[in-house]
Amino acid sequence: MARRVRPQLITDAPRSPEQELRAREVRYVIMMVLRALCIVVAAILVATRPPLLWLWLTLCLMGGVGLPMVAVLLANDAAPRPEHQLRNRLRRRSPTSHPDPSRALHDREHRIIDSE
């Protein structure tokens, strides 16, 4: 029987801030590498002058100019709150799992504290 490399996730706890920061750093570096690649490809295209040069240069320049803005926005973006995540909106909720709070106040017994 083979061992699992990663433990099975059995909780809905959010990722730790360190894990979230690391994921954002990796995403930023990948996007900056893509930007550098766009600039290098644009330089190679100018030197070789292939057909449809204007189209390829436009795509490379859009990547070279647009990717830094998108990368900064995504790197500074925090994880969405649990109620705003799409996977939580798509889950079916049973009526017993989230009872109406106003009804719960009327249904439970009230404890009376005597002051004497």
PDB file of N, CA and C in Angstrom:
ATOM      1  N   MET A   1       0.848  -1.179   0.000  1.00  0.00           N
ATOM      2  CA  MET A   1       0.000   0.000   0.000  1.00  0.00           C
ATOM      3  C   MET A   1       0.894   1.242   0.000  1.00  0.00           C
ATOM      4  N   ALA A   2       0.667   2.128  -0.944  1.00  0.00           N
ATOM      5  CA  ALA A   2       1.482   3.327  -1.085  1.00  0.00           C
ATOM      6  C   ALA A   2       1.006   4.411  -0.124  1.00  0.00           C
ATOM      7  N   ARG A   3       1.948   5.181   0.353  1.00  0.00           N
ATOM      8  CA  ARG A   3       1.612   6.300   1.228  1.00  0.00           C
ATOM      9  C   ARG A   3       1.272   7.523   0.393  1.00  0.00           C
ATOM     10  N   ARG A   4       0.366   8.299   0.892  1.00  0.00           N
ATOM     11  CA  ARG A   4       0.029   9.549   0.226  1.00  0.00           C
ATOM     12  C   ARG A   4       1.094  10.585   0.560  1.00  0.00           C
ATOM     13  N   VAL A   5       1.437  11.355  -0.437  1.00  0.00           N
ATOM     14  CA  VAL A   5       2.450  12.384  -0.228  1.00  0.00           C
ATOM     15  C   VAL A   5       1.857  13.554   0.561  1.00  0.00           C
ATOM     16  N   ARG A   6       0.639  13.935   0.224  1.00  0.00           N
ATOM     17  CA  ARG A   6      -0.008  15.051   0.897  1.00  0.00           C
ATOM     18  C   ARG A   6      -1.120  14.525   1.797  1.00  0.00           C
ATOM     19  N   PRO A   7      -1.293  15.103   2.968  1.00  0.00           N
ATOM     20  CA  PRO A   7      -2.398  14.660   3.821  1.00  0.00           C
ATOM     21  C   PRO A   7      -3.735  15.067   3.226  1.00  0.00           C
ATOM     22  N   GLN A   8      -4.742  14.291   3.543  1.00  0.00           N
ATOM     23  CA  GLN A   8      -6.073  14.576   3.027  1.00  0.00           C
ATOM     24  C   GLN A   8      -6.672  15.743   3.797  1.00  0.00           C
ATOM     25  N   LEU A   9      -7.276  16.676   3.083  1.00  0.00           N
ATOM     26  CA  LEU A   9      -7.887  17.850   3.691  1.00  0.00           C
ATOM     27  C   LEU A   9      -9.273  17.482   4.215  1.00  0.00           C
ATOM     28  N   ILE A  10      -9.464  17.660   5.514  1.00  0.00           N
ATOM     29  CA  ILE A  10     -10.754  17.292   6.095  1.00  0.00           C
ATOM     30  C   ILE A  10     -11.429  18.479   6.775  1.00  0.00           C
ATOM     31  N   THR A  11     -10.954  19.672   6.518  1.00  0.00           N
ATOM     32  CA  THR A  11     -11.515  20.841   7.165  1.00  0.00           C
ATOM     33  C   THR A  11     -11.737  21.943   6.144  1.00  0.00           C
ATOM     34  N   ASP A  12     -12.570  22.891   6.484  1.00  0.00           N
ATOM     35  CA  ASP A  12     -12.806  24.051   5.637  1.00  0.00           C
ATOM     36  C   ASP A  12     -11.997  25.250   6.103  1.00  0.00           C
ATOM     37  N   ALA A  13     -10.972  25.003   6.900  1.00  0.00           N
ATOM     38  CA  ALA A  13     -10.147  26.095   7.407  1.00  0.00           C
ATOM     39  C   ALA A  13      -9.406  26.759   6.250  1.00  0.00           C
ATOM     40  N   PRO A  14      -9.270  28.071   6.293  1.00  0.00           N
ATOM     41  CA  PRO A  14      -8.548  28.761   5.218  1.00  0.00           C
ATOM     42  C   PRO A  14      -7.052  28.466   5.289  1.00  0.00           C
ATOM     43  N   ARG A  15      -6.359  28.756   4.195  1.00  0.00           N
ATOM     44  CA  ARG A  15      -4.919  28.559   4.174  1.00  0.00           C
ATOM     45  C   ARG A  15      -4.260  29.551   5.115  1.00  0.00           C
ATOM     46  N   SER A  16      -3.095  29.195   5.602  1.00  0.00           N
ATOM     47  CA  SER A  16      -2.369  30.084   6.502  1.00  0.00           C
ATOM     48  C   SER A  16      -1.885  31.306   5.724  1.00  0.00           C
ATOM     49  N   PRO A  17      -1.651  32.412   6.407  1.00  0.00           N
ATOM     50  CA  PRO A  17      -1.158  33.607   5.707  1.00  0.00           C
ATOM     51  C   PRO A  17       0.174  33.367   4.985  1.00  0.00           C
ATOM     52  N   GLU A  18       1.029  32.515   5.549  1.00  0.00           N
ATOM     53  CA  GLU A  18       2.304  32.227   4.900  1.00  0.00           C
ATOM     54  C   GLU A  18       2.094  31.480   3.586  1.00  0.00           C
ATOM     55  N   GLN A  19       1.186  30.519   3.573  1.00  0.00           N
ATOM     56  CA  GLN A  19       0.902  29.778   2.343  1.00  0.00           C
ATOM     57  C   GLN A  19       0.267  30.682   1.290  1.00  0.00           C
ATOM     58  N   GLU A  20      -0.626  31.546   1.723  1.00  0.00           N
ATOM     59  CA  GLU A  20      -1.273  32.463   0.799  1.00  0.00           C
ATOM     60  C   GLU A  20      -0.269  33.445   0.200  1.00  0.00           C
ATOM     61  N   LEU A  21       0.637  33.969   1.031  1.00  0.00           N
ATOM     62  CA  LEU A  21       1.663  34.882   0.543  1.00  0.00           C
ATOM     63  C   LEU A  21       2.589  34.178  -0.440  1.00  0.00           C
ATOM     64  N   ARG A  22       2.978  32.961  -0.137  1.00  0.00           N
ATOM     65  CA  ARG A  22       3.859  32.203  -1.033  1.00  0.00           C
ATOM     66  C   ARG A  22       3.183  31.966  -2.391  1.00  0.00           C
ATOM     67  N   ALA A  23       1.910  31.633  -2.393  1.00  0.00           N
ATOM     68  CA  ALA A  23       1.191  31.402  -3.641  1.00  0.00           C
ATOM     69  C   ALA A  23       1.112  32.686  -4.466  1.00  0.00           C
ATOM     70  N   ARG A  24       0.897  33.822  -3.797  1.00  0.00           N
ATOM     71  CA  ARG A  24       0.845  35.095  -4.520  1.00  0.00           C
ATOM     72  C   ARG A  24       2.207  35.468  -5.076  1.00  0.00           C
ATOM     73  N   GLU A  25       3.288  35.189  -4.327  1.00  0.00           N
ATOM     74  CA  GLU A  25       4.640  35.469  -4.819  1.00  0.00           C
ATOM     75  C   GLU A  25       4.961  34.625  -6.047  1.00  0.00           C
ATOM     76  N   VAL A  26       4.604  33.349  -6.005  1.00  0.00           N
ATOM     77  CA  VAL A  26       4.860  32.459  -7.146  1.00  0.00           C
ATOM     78  C   VAL A  26       4.085  32.933  -8.369  1.00  0.00           C
ATOM     79  N   ARG A  27       2.824  33.307  -8.180  1.00  0.00           N
ATOM     80  CA  ARG A  27       2.008  33.799  -9.288  1.00  0.00           C
ATOM     81  C   ARG A  27       2.615  35.063  -9.901  1.00  0.00           C
ATOM     82  N   TYR A  28       3.116  35.964  -9.050  1.00  0.00           N
ATOM     83  CA  TYR A  28       3.734  37.204  -9.530  1.00  0.00           C
ATOM     84  C   TYR A  28       4.996  36.914 -10.340  1.00  0.00           C
ATOM     85  N   VAL A  29       5.841  36.026  -9.841  1.00  0.00           N
ATOM     86  CA  VAL A  29       7.087  35.704 -10.542  1.00  0.00           C
ATOM     87  C   VAL A  29       6.787  35.052 -11.889  1.00  0.00           C
ATOM     88  N   ILE A  30       5.813  34.161 -11.929  1.00  0.00           N
ATOM     89  CA  ILE A  30       5.450  33.510 -13.202  1.00  0.00           C
ATOM     90  C   ILE A  30       4.983  34.552 -14.219  1.00  0.00           C
ATOM     91  N   MET A  31       4.170  35.506 -13.777  1.00  0.00           N
ATOM     92  CA  MET A  31       3.681  36.529 -14.702  1.00  0.00           C
ATOM     93  C   MET A  31       4.804  37.451 -15.161  1.00  0.00           C
ATOM     94  N   MET A  32       5.773  37.738 -14.299  1.00  0.00           N
ATOM     95  CA  MET A  32       6.893  38.579 -14.710  1.00  0.00           C
ATOM     96  C   MET A  32       7.818  37.835 -15.672  1.00  0.00           C
ATOM     97  N   VAL A  33       7.949  36.523 -15.500  1.00  0.00           N
ATOM     98  CA  VAL A  33       8.737  35.735 -16.452  1.00  0.00           C
ATOM     99  C   VAL A  33       8.046  35.738 -17.820  1.00  0.00           C
ATOM    100  N   LEU A  34       6.723  35.625 -17.831  1.00  0.00           N
ATOM    101  CA  LEU A  34       5.977  35.706 -19.092  1.00  0.00           C
ATOM    102  C   LEU A  34       6.159  37.069 -19.757  1.00  0.00           C
ATOM    103  N   ARG A  35       6.200  38.124 -18.949  1.00  0.00           N
ATOM    104  CA  ARG A  35       6.427  39.463 -19.496  1.00  0.00           C
ATOM    105  C   ARG A  35       7.802  39.559 -20.137  1.00  0.00           C
ATOM    106  N   ALA A  36       8.814  39.062 -19.440  1.00  0.00           N
ATOM    107  CA  ALA A  36      10.165  39.090 -20.004  1.00  0.00           C
ATOM    108  C   ALA A  36      10.227  38.270 -21.287  1.00  0.00           C
ATOM    109  N   LEU A  37       9.532  37.155 -21.298  1.00  0.00           N
ATOM    110  CA  LEU A  37       9.488  36.321 -22.498  1.00  0.00           C
ATOM    111  C   LEU A  37       8.827  37.060 -23.663  1.00  0.00           C
ATOM    112  N   CYS A  38       7.772  37.813 -23.395  1.00  0.00           N
ATOM    113  CA  CYS A  38       7.114  38.608 -24.435  1.00  0.00           C
ATOM    114  C   CYS A  38       8.070  39.643 -25.016  1.00  0.00           C
ATOM    115  N   ILE A  39       8.848  40.287 -24.169  1.00  0.00           N
ATOM    116  CA  ILE A  39       9.785  41.301 -24.648  1.00  0.00           C
ATOM    117  C   ILE A  39      10.893  40.664 -25.485  1.00  0.00           C
ATOM    118  N   VAL A  40      11.414  39.515 -25.052  1.00  0.00           N
ATOM    119  CA  VAL A  40      12.457  38.826 -25.810  1.00  0.00           C
ATOM    120  C   VAL A  40      11.918  38.361 -27.152  1.00  0.00           C
ATOM    121  N   VAL A  41      10.713  37.800 -27.161  1.00  0.00           N
ATOM    122  CA  VAL A  41      10.111  37.338 -28.416  1.00  0.00           C
ATOM    123  C   VAL A  41       9.884  38.515 -29.354  1.00  0.00           C
ATOM    124  N   ALA A  42       9.470  39.660 -28.812  1.00  0.00           N
ATOM    125  CA  ALA A  42       9.272  40.849 -29.652  1.00  0.00           C
ATOM    126  C   ALA A  42      10.590  41.277 -30.289  1.00  0.00           C
ATOM    127  N   ALA A  43      11.681  41.244 -29.545  1.00  0.00           N
ATOM    128  CA  ALA A  43      12.990  41.610 -30.095  1.00  0.00           C
ATOM    129  C   ALA A  43      13.415  40.629 -31.193  1.00  0.00           C
ATOM    130  N   ILE A  44      13.166  39.355 -30.982  1.00  0.00           N
ATOM    131  CA  ILE A  44      13.511  38.349 -31.994  1.00  0.00           C
ATOM    132  C   ILE A  44      12.656  38.540 -33.244  1.00  0.00           C
ATOM    133  N   LEU A  45      11.384  38.859 -33.064  1.00  0.00           N
ATOM    134  CA  LEU A  45      10.501  39.083 -34.208  1.00  0.00           C
ATOM    135  C   LEU A  45      10.944  40.278 -35.038  1.00  0.00           C
ATOM    136  N   VAL A  46      11.375  41.348 -34.379  1.00  0.00           N
ATOM    137  CA  VAL A  46      11.839  42.521 -35.107  1.00  0.00           C
ATOM    138  C   VAL A  46      13.079  42.172 -35.927  1.00  0.00           C
ATOM    139  N   ALA A  47      13.945  41.340 -35.361  1.00  0.00           N
ATOM    140  CA  ALA A  47      15.179  40.977 -36.073  1.00  0.00           C
ATOM    141  C   ALA A  47      14.906  40.053 -37.260  1.00  0.00           C
ATOM    142  N   THR A  48      13.925  39.156 -37.143  1.00  0.00           N
ATOM    143  CA  THR A  48      13.680  38.185 -38.217  1.00  0.00           C
ATOM    144  C   THR A  48      12.642  38.648 -39.227  1.00  0.00           C
ATOM    145  N   ARG A  49      11.808  39.599 -38.870  1.00  0.00           N
ATOM    146  CA  ARG A  49      10.749  40.138 -39.733  1.00  0.00           C
ATOM    147  C   ARG A  49       9.893  39.038 -40.395  1.00  0.00           C
ATOM    148  N   PRO A  50       9.131  38.286 -39.578  1.00  0.00           N
ATOM    149  CA  PRO A  50       8.261  37.240 -40.140  1.00  0.00           C
ATOM    150  C   PRO A  50       7.004  37.863 -40.760  1.00  0.00           C
ATOM    151  N   PRO A  51       6.199  37.043 -41.482  1.00  0.00           N
ATOM    152  CA  PRO A  51       4.930  37.569 -41.995  1.00  0.00           C
ATOM    153  C   PRO A  51       3.996  37.930 -40.827  1.00  0.00           C
ATOM    154  N   LEU A  52       3.159  38.889 -41.047  1.00  0.00           N
ATOM    155  CA  LEU A  52       2.229  39.407 -40.023  1.00  0.00           C
ATOM    156  C   LEU A  52       2.980  39.933 -38.794  1.00  0.00           C
ATOM    157  N   LEU A  53       4.082  40.613 -39.048  1.00  0.00           N
ATOM    158  CA  LEU A  53       4.896  41.160 -37.954  1.00  0.00           C
ATOM    159  C   LEU A  53       4.087  42.086 -37.070  1.00  0.00           C
ATOM    160  N   TRP A  54       3.225  42.913 -37.633  1.00  0.00           N
ATOM    161  CA  TRP A  54       2.438  43.860 -36.852  1.00  0.00           C
ATOM    162  C   TRP A  54       1.529  43.153 -35.859  1.00  0.00           C
ATOM    163  N   LEU A  55       0.986  42.005 -36.229  1.00  0.00           N
ATOM    164  CA  LEU A  55       0.103  41.264 -35.328  1.00  0.00           C
ATOM    165  C   LEU A  55       0.889  40.675 -34.151  1.00  0.00           C
ATOM    166  N   TRP A  56       2.013  40.057 -34.459  1.00  0.00           N
ATOM    167  CA  TRP A  56       2.814  39.426 -33.407  1.00  0.00           C
ATOM    168  C   TRP A  56       3.404  40.465 -32.464  1.00  0.00           C
ATOM    169  N   LEU A  57       3.845  41.590 -33.005  1.00  0.00           N
ATOM    170  CA  LEU A  57       4.383  42.647 -32.145  1.00  0.00           C
ATOM    171  C   LEU A  57       3.302  43.238 -31.250  1.00  0.00           C
ATOM    172  N   THR A  58       2.105  43.387 -31.791  1.00  0.00           N
ATOM    173  CA  THR A  58       1.000  43.906 -30.976  1.00  0.00           C
ATOM    174  C   THR A  58       0.707  42.975 -29.804  1.00  0.00           C
ATOM    175  N   LEU A  59       0.674  41.674 -30.063  1.00  0.00           N
ATOM    176  CA  LEU A  59       0.422  40.710 -28.981  1.00  0.00           C
ATOM    177  C   LEU A  59       1.544  40.722 -27.952  1.00  0.00           C
ATOM    178  N   CYS A  60       2.784  40.771 -28.418  1.00  0.00           N
ATOM    179  CA  CYS A  60       3.919  40.788 -27.489  1.00  0.00           C
ATOM    180  C   CYS A  60       3.946  42.071 -26.663  1.00  0.00           C
ATOM    181  N   LEU A  61       3.658  43.205 -27.299  1.00  0.00           N
ATOM    182  CA  LEU A  61       3.656  44.469 -26.561  1.00  0.00           C
ATOM    183  C   LEU A  61       2.495  44.547 -25.571  1.00  0.00           C
ATOM    184  N   MET A  62       1.351  43.972 -25.934  1.00  0.00           N
ATOM    185  CA  MET A  62       0.235  43.925 -24.977  1.00  0.00           C
ATOM    186  C   MET A  62       0.625  43.096 -23.756  1.00  0.00           C
ATOM    187  N   GLY A  63       1.307  41.975 -23.991  1.00  0.00           N
ATOM    188  CA  GLY A  63       1.786  41.163 -22.873  1.00  0.00           C
ATOM    189  C   GLY A  63       2.843  41.883 -22.059  1.00  0.00           C
ATOM    190  N   GLY A  64       3.744  42.593 -22.729  1.00  0.00           N
ATOM    191  CA  GLY A  64       4.813  43.312 -22.034  1.00  0.00           C
ATOM    192  C   GLY A  64       4.314  44.484 -21.221  1.00  0.00           C
ATOM    193  N   VAL A  65       3.245  45.125 -21.687  1.00  0.00           N
ATOM    194  CA  VAL A  65       2.712  46.289 -20.972  1.00  0.00           C
ATOM    195  C   VAL A  65       1.597  45.887 -20.013  1.00  0.00           C
ATOM    196  N   GLY A  66       0.751  44.958 -20.406  1.00  0.00           N
ATOM    197  CA  GLY A  66      -0.416  44.604 -19.589  1.00  0.00           C
ATOM    198  C   GLY A  66      -0.140  43.654 -18.447  1.00  0.00           C
ATOM    199  N   LEU A  67       0.806  42.745 -18.630  1.00  0.00           N
ATOM    200  CA  LEU A  67       1.064  41.750 -17.588  1.00  0.00           C
ATOM    201  C   LEU A  67       1.536  42.350 -16.263  1.00  0.00           C
ATOM    202  N   PRO A  68       2.387  43.385 -16.239  1.00  0.00           N
ATOM    203  CA  PRO A  68       2.772  43.933 -14.932  1.00  0.00           C
ATOM    204  C   PRO A  68       1.596  44.486 -14.135  1.00  0.00           C
ATOM    205  N   MET A  69       0.671  45.127 -14.819  1.00  0.00           N
ATOM    206  CA  MET A  69      -0.491  45.664 -14.106  1.00  0.00           C
ATOM    207  C   MET A  69      -1.349  44.546 -13.527  1.00  0.00           C
ATOM    208  N   VAL A  70      -1.581  43.536 -14.322  1.00  0.00           N
ATOM    209  CA  VAL A  70      -2.380  42.401 -13.855  1.00  0.00           C
ATOM    210  C   VAL A  70      -1.649  41.659 -12.739  1.00  0.00           C
ATOM    211  N   ALA A  71      -0.335  41.527 -12.875  1.00  0.00           N
ATOM    212  CA  ALA A  71       0.445  40.805 -11.866  1.00  0.00           C
ATOM    213  C   ALA A  71       0.393  41.511 -10.518  1.00  0.00           C
ATOM    214  N   VAL A  72       0.493  42.822 -10.517  1.00  0.00           N
ATOM    215  CA  VAL A  72       0.439  43.570  -9.258  1.00  0.00           C
ATOM    216  C   VAL A  72      -0.945  43.441  -8.628  1.00  0.00           C
ATOM    217  N   LEU A  73      -1.993  43.538  -9.453  1.00  0.00           N
ATOM    218  CA  LEU A  73      -3.344  43.403  -8.907  1.00  0.00           C
ATOM    219  C   LEU A  73      -3.557  42.025  -8.294  1.00  0.00           C
ATOM    220  N   LEU A  74      -3.103  40.982  -8.980  1.00  0.00           N
ATOM    221  CA  LEU A  74      -3.292  39.632  -8.461  1.00  0.00           C
ATOM    222  C   LEU A  74      -2.392  39.344  -7.262  1.00  0.00           C
ATOM    223  N   ALA A  75      -1.206  39.935  -7.227  1.00  0.00           N
ATOM    224  CA  ALA A  75      -0.304  39.703  -6.104  1.00  0.00           C
ATOM    225  C   ALA A  75      -0.819  40.362  -4.830  1.00  0.00           C
ATOM    226  N   ASN A  76      -1.514  41.474  -4.962  1.00  0.00           N
ATOM    227  CA  ASN A  76      -2.037  42.183  -3.788  1.00  0.00           C
ATOM    228  C   ASN A  76      -3.444  41.750  -3.416  1.00  0.00           C
ATOM    229  N   ASP A  77      -4.035  40.873  -4.199  1.00  0.00           N
ATOM    230  CA  ASP A  77      -5.398  40.433  -3.951  1.00  0.00           C
ATOM    231  C   ASP A  77      -5.428  39.402  -2.828  1.00  0.00           C
ATOM    232  N   ALA A  78      -6.316  39.586  -1.895  1.00  0.00           N
ATOM    233  CA  ALA A  78      -6.481  38.622  -0.808  1.00  0.00           C
ATOM    234  C   ALA A  78      -7.499  37.560  -1.219  1.00  0.00           C
ATOM    235  N   ALA A  79      -7.499  36.478  -0.494  1.00  0.00           N
ATOM    236  CA  ALA A  79      -8.458  35.404  -0.776  1.00  0.00           C
ATOM    237  C   ALA A  79      -9.874  35.897  -0.481  1.00  0.00           C
ATOM    238  N   PRO A  80     -10.860  35.456  -1.247  1.00  0.00           N
ATOM    239  CA  PRO A  80     -12.232  35.898  -0.995  1.00  0.00           C
ATOM    240  C   PRO A  80     -12.764  35.317   0.313  1.00  0.00           C
ATOM    241  N   ARG A  81     -13.705  36.010   0.880  1.00  0.00           N
ATOM    242  CA  ARG A  81     -14.340  35.508   2.094  1.00  0.00           C
ATOM    243  C   ARG A  81     -15.104  34.229   1.754  1.00  0.00           C
ATOM    244  N   PRO A  82     -15.283  33.364   2.736  1.00  0.00           N
ATOM    245  CA  PRO A  82     -15.950  32.084   2.450  1.00  0.00           C
ATOM    246  C   PRO A  82     -17.338  32.238   1.842  1.00  0.00           C
ATOM    247  N   GLU A  83     -18.086  33.241   2.242  1.00  0.00           N
ATOM    248  CA  GLU A  83     -19.435  33.382   1.703  1.00  0.00           C
ATOM    249  C   GLU A  83     -19.436  33.893   0.267  1.00  0.00           C
ATOM    250  N   HIS A  84     -18.314  34.426  -0.202  1.00  0.00           N
ATOM    251  CA  HIS A  84     -18.232  34.937  -1.563  1.00  0.00           C
ATOM    252  C   HIS A  84     -17.550  33.969  -2.528  1.00  0.00           C
ATOM    253  N   GLN A  85     -17.069  32.838  -2.026  1.00  0.00           N
ATOM    254  CA  GLN A  85     -16.427  31.875  -2.908  1.00  0.00           C
ATOM    255  C   GLN A  85     -17.484  31.132  -3.707  1.00  0.00           C
ATOM    256  N   LEU A  86     -17.171  30.884  -4.948  1.00  0.00           N
ATOM    257  CA  LEU A  86     -18.128  30.251  -5.853  1.00  0.00           C
ATOM    258  C   LEU A  86     -18.483  28.851  -5.392  1.00  0.00           C
ATOM    259  N   ARG A  87     -17.510  28.101  -4.894  1.00  0.00           N
ATOM    260  CA  ARG A  87     -17.806  26.731  -4.489  1.00  0.00           C
ATOM    261  C   ARG A  87     -18.782  26.687  -3.318  1.00  0.00           C
ATOM    262  N   ASN A  88     -18.782  27.705  -2.462  1.00  0.00           N
ATOM    263  CA  ASN A  88     -19.743  27.739  -1.359  1.00  0.00           C
ATOM    264  C   ASN A  88     -21.127  28.161  -1.828  1.00  0.00           C
ATOM    265  N   ARG A  89     -21.195  28.909  -2.909  1.00  0.00           N
ATOM    266  CA  ARG A  89     -22.501  29.303  -3.434  1.00  0.00           C
ATOM    267  C   ARG A  89     -23.169  28.163  -4.178  1.00  0.00           C
ATOM    268  N   LEU A  90     -22.368  27.266  -4.732  1.00  0.00           N
ATOM    269  CA  LEU A  90     -22.921  26.165  -5.508  1.00  0.00           C
ATOM    270  C   LEU A  90     -23.340  24.972  -4.655  1.00  0.00           C
ATOM    271  N   ARG A  91     -22.888  24.920  -3.415  1.00  0.00           N
ATOM    272  CA  ARG A  91     -23.266  23.809  -2.542  1.00  0.00           C
ATOM    273  C   ARG A  91     -24.733  23.898  -2.179  1.00  0.00           C
ATOM    274  N   ARG A  92     -25.363  22.748  -2.156  1.00  0.00           N
ATOM    275  CA  ARG A  92     -26.758  22.714  -1.702  1.00  0.00           C
ATOM    276  C   ARG A  92     -26.771  22.712  -0.183  1.00  0.00           C
ATOM    277  N   ARG A  93     -27.613  23.528   0.350  1.00  0.00           N
ATOM    278  CA  ARG A  93     -27.721  23.608   1.806  1.00  0.00           C
ATOM    279  C   ARG A  93     -29.013  22.954   2.238  1.00  0.00           C
ATOM    280  N   SER A  94     -28.898  22.112   3.223  1.00  0.00           N
ATOM    281  CA  SER A  94     -30.113  21.499   3.747  1.00  0.00           C
ATOM    282  C   SER A  94     -30.776  22.475   4.714  1.00  0.00           C
ATOM    283  N   PRO A  95     -32.090  22.455   4.813  1.00  0.00           N
ATOM    284  CA  PRO A  95     -32.770  23.418   5.683  1.00  0.00           C
ATOM    285  C   PRO A  95     -32.430  23.227   7.153  1.00  0.00           C
ATOM    286  N   THR A  96     -31.991  22.044   7.545  1.00  0.00           N
ATOM    287  CA  THR A  96     -31.663  21.830   8.948  1.00  0.00           C
ATOM    288  C   THR A  96     -30.266  22.320   9.293  1.00  0.00           C
ATOM    289  N   SER A  97     -29.415  22.501   8.315  1.00  0.00           N
ATOM    290  CA  SER A  97     -28.045  22.906   8.618  1.00  0.00           C
ATOM    291  C   SER A  97     -27.957  24.370   9.030  1.00  0.00           C
ATOM    292  N   HIS A  98     -28.834  25.241   8.486  1.00  0.00           N
ATOM    293  CA  HIS A  98     -28.818  26.656   8.824  1.00  0.00           C
ATOM    294  C   HIS A  98     -30.232  27.074   9.213  1.00  0.00           C
ATOM    295  N   PRO A  99     -30.603  26.851  10.466  1.00  0.00           N
ATOM    296  CA  PRO A  99     -31.956  27.232  10.867  1.00  0.00           C
ATOM    297  C   PRO A  99     -32.102  28.746  10.926  1.00  0.00           C
ATOM    298  N   ASP A 100     -33.317  29.193  10.830  1.00  0.00           N
ATOM    299  CA  ASP A 100     -33.623  30.607  10.905  1.00  0.00           C
ATOM    300  C   ASP A 100     -33.322  31.097  12.327  1.00  0.00           C
ATOM    301  N   PRO A 101     -32.481  32.115  12.514  1.00  0.00           N
ATOM    302  CA  PRO A 101     -32.120  32.556  13.864  1.00  0.00           C
ATOM    303  C   PRO A 101     -33.306  33.114  14.651  1.00  0.00           C
ATOM    304  N   SER A 102     -34.225  33.777  13.993  1.00  0.00           N
ATOM    305  CA  SER A 102     -35.365  34.332  14.721  1.00  0.00           C
ATOM    306  C   SER A 102     -36.262  33.217  15.254  1.00  0.00           C
ATOM    307  N   ARG A 103     -36.341  32.123  14.510  1.00  0.00           N
ATOM    308  CA  ARG A 103     -37.143  30.990  14.951  1.00  0.00           C
ATOM    309  C   ARG A 103     -36.469  30.252  16.096  1.00  0.00           C
ATOM    310  N   ALA A 104     -35.165  30.227  16.072  1.00  0.00           N
ATOM    311  CA  ALA A 104     -34.427  29.520  17.110  1.00  0.00           C
ATOM    312  C   ALA A 104     -34.631  30.177  18.468  1.00  0.00           C
ATOM    313  N   LEU A 105     -34.794  31.485  18.508  1.00  0.00           N
ATOM    314  CA  LEU A 105     -35.013  32.180  19.772  1.00  0.00           C
ATOM    315  C   LEU A 105     -36.359  31.793  20.374  1.00  0.00           C
ATOM    316  N   HIS A 106     -37.354  31.604  19.539  1.00  0.00           N
ATOM    317  CA  HIS A 106     -38.683  31.271  20.042  1.00  0.00           C
ATOM    318  C   HIS A 106     -38.804  29.797  20.414  1.00  0.00           C
ATOM    319  N   ASP A 107     -38.063  28.936  19.780  1.00  0.00           N
ATOM    320  CA  ASP A 107     -38.202  27.503  20.003  1.00  0.00           C
ATOM    321  C   ASP A 107     -37.478  27.002  21.251  1.00  0.00           C
ATOM    322  N   ARG A 108     -36.388  27.639  21.612  1.00  0.00           N
ATOM    323  CA  ARG A 108     -35.644  27.107  22.757  1.00  0.00           C
ATOM    324  C   ARG A 108     -36.205  27.651  24.066  1.00  0.00           C
ATOM    325  N   GLU A 109     -35.920  26.907  25.098  1.00  0.00           N
ATOM    326  CA  GLU A 109     -36.415  27.298  26.414  1.00  0.00           C
ATOM    327  C   GLU A 109     -35.568  28.438  26.961  1.00  0.00           C
ATOM    328  N   HIS A 110     -36.203  29.327  27.675  1.00  0.00           N
ATOM    329  CA  HIS A 110     -35.506  30.467  28.248  1.00  0.00           C
ATOM    330  C   HIS A 110     -35.176  30.168  29.702  1.00  0.00           C
ATOM    331  N   ARG A 111     -33.955  30.476  30.047  1.00  0.00           N
ATOM    332  CA  ARG A 111     -33.559  30.282  31.438  1.00  0.00           C
ATOM    333  C   ARG A 111     -33.835  31.571  32.208  1.00  0.00           C
ATOM    334  N   ILE A 112     -34.494  31.427  33.327  1.00  0.00           N
ATOM    335  CA  ILE A 112     -34.837  32.618  34.134  1.00  0.00           C
ATOM    336  C   ILE A 112     -33.902  32.643  35.324  1.00  0.00           C
ATOM    337  N   ILE A 113     -33.262  33.775  35.509  1.00  0.00           N
ATOM    338  CA  ILE A 113     -32.352  33.951  36.638  1.00  0.00           C
ATOM    339  C   ILE A 113     -33.076  34.799  37.677  1.00  0.00           C
ATOM    340  N   ASP A 114     -33.252  34.223  38.859  1.00  0.00           N
ATOM    341  CA  ASP A 114     -33.934  34.929  39.930  1.00  0.00           C
ATOM    342  C   ASP A 114     -32.926  35.782  40.676  1.00  0.00           C
ATOM    343  N   SER A 115     -33.267  37.011  40.904  1.00  0.00           N
ATOM    344  CA  SER A 115     -32.329  37.921  41.568  1.00  0.00           C
ATOM    345  C   SER A 115     -32.282  37.717  43.083  1.00  0.00           C
ATOM    346  N   GLU A 116     -33.227  36.998  43.635  1.00  0.00           N
ATOM    347  CA  GLU A 116     -33.254  36.824  45.091  1.00  0.00           C
ATOM    348  C   GLU A 116     -32.566  35.591  45.553  1.00  0.00           C
TER     349      GLU A 116
END
